[in-house]
Amino acid sequence: MTTKISITLDDEIVGFVDARSENRSKFINDVLSKFKKEQLQAELKAAYIDQNKDPHFWSEFNLWDCTTGDGLDD
């Protein structure tokens, strides 16, 4: 789904966009999609770092990890 909006950009930014693309909307969408993905990746990395520092997580992990060698066939 798409939503049409009206935004105000500095003339310099419009020139920058126009010099790189014939389709302003697509260019801006691509740039913001990339930025969003980078933000999500950074948040995920931070969450993994926090998880790695959590002793409660590791105690639970170790309890469940022992089930991998419990002798049951796949």
Protein backbone atom coordinates (compact mmCIF):
# COMPACT_ATOMS: atom_id res chain seq x y z
CA MET A 1 0.00 0.00 0.00
CA THR A 2 1.18 3.52 -0.64
CA THR A 3 0.15 6.86 0.77
CA LYS A 4 0.51 10.12 -1.10
CA ILE A 5 1.89 12.89 1.09
CA SER A 6 3.14 16.40 0.61
CA ILE A 7 6.58 17.24 2.00
CA THR A 8 8.86 20.25 1.84
CA LEU A 9 12.49 19.78 0.84
CA ASP A 10 15.32 22.26 0.54
CA ASP A 11 16.11 23.21 -3.06
CA GLU A 12 19.57 21.69 -2.68
CA ILE A 13 18.05 18.35 -1.67
CA VAL A 14 15.61 18.40 -4.59
CA GLY A 15 18.53 19.05 -6.94
CA PHE A 16 20.43 16.16 -5.39
CA VAL A 17 17.46 13.81 -5.84
CA ASP A 18 16.77 14.98 -9.39
CA ALA A 19 20.41 14.48 -10.37
CA ARG A 20 20.23 10.84 -9.28
CA SER A 21 16.81 9.72 -10.37
CA GLU A 22 13.99 10.51 -12.74
CA ASN A 23 11.50 9.29 -10.14
CA ARG A 24 11.68 11.31 -6.92
CA SER A 25 9.25 9.10 -5.03
CA LYS A 26 11.13 5.91 -5.85
CA PHE A 27 14.47 7.47 -4.93
CA ILE A 28 13.21 8.78 -1.60
CA ASN A 29 11.48 5.46 -0.85
CA ASP A 30 14.69 3.55 -1.65
CA VAL A 31 16.80 5.82 0.56
CA LEU A 32 14.36 5.60 3.47
CA SER A 33 13.96 1.83 3.08
CA LYS A 34 17.73 1.42 3.24
CA PHE A 35 17.89 3.69 6.31
CA LYS A 36 15.08 1.72 7.98
CA LYS A 37 16.88 -1.57 7.31
CA GLU A 38 20.12 -0.17 8.75
CA GLN A 39 18.27 1.03 11.87
CA LEU A 40 16.64 -2.38 12.37
CA GLN A 41 20.01 -4.09 11.94
CA ALA A 42 21.56 -1.79 14.54
CA GLU A 43 18.69 -2.48 16.97
CA LEU A 44 19.02 -6.23 16.41
CA LYS A 45 22.78 -6.07 16.99
CA ALA A 46 22.23 -4.14 20.24
CA ALA A 47 19.62 -6.69 21.35
CA TYR A 48 22.02 -9.58 20.69
CA ILE A 49 24.75 -7.79 22.65
CA ASP A 50 22.34 -7.27 25.58
CA GLN A 51 21.21 -10.89 25.37
CA ASN A 52 24.82 -12.06 25.41
CA LYS A 53 25.35 -10.19 28.69
CA ASP A 54 22.22 -11.66 30.34
CA PRO A 55 23.14 -14.44 32.81
CA HIS A 56 19.50 -15.55 33.08
CA PHE A 57 19.37 -16.14 29.32
CA TRP A 58 22.52 -18.24 29.42
CA SER A 59 21.32 -20.34 32.35
CA GLU A 60 18.10 -21.09 30.42
CA PHE A 61 20.07 -21.72 27.24
CA ASN A 62 22.34 -24.20 28.98
CA LEU A 63 19.36 -26.05 30.45
CA TRP A 64 17.85 -26.54 27.00
CA ASP A 65 21.15 -27.08 25.21
CA CYS A 66 21.67 -30.40 26.97
CA THR A 67 18.65 -31.83 25.13
CA THR A 68 20.55 -31.85 21.83
CA GLY A 69 22.42 -34.96 22.86
CA ASP A 70 19.62 -36.81 24.64
CA GLY A 71 19.84 -39.83 22.36
CA LEU A 72 16.60 -39.31 20.44
CA ASP A 73 16.76 -39.93 16.71
CA ASP A 74 16.02 -37.01 14.41
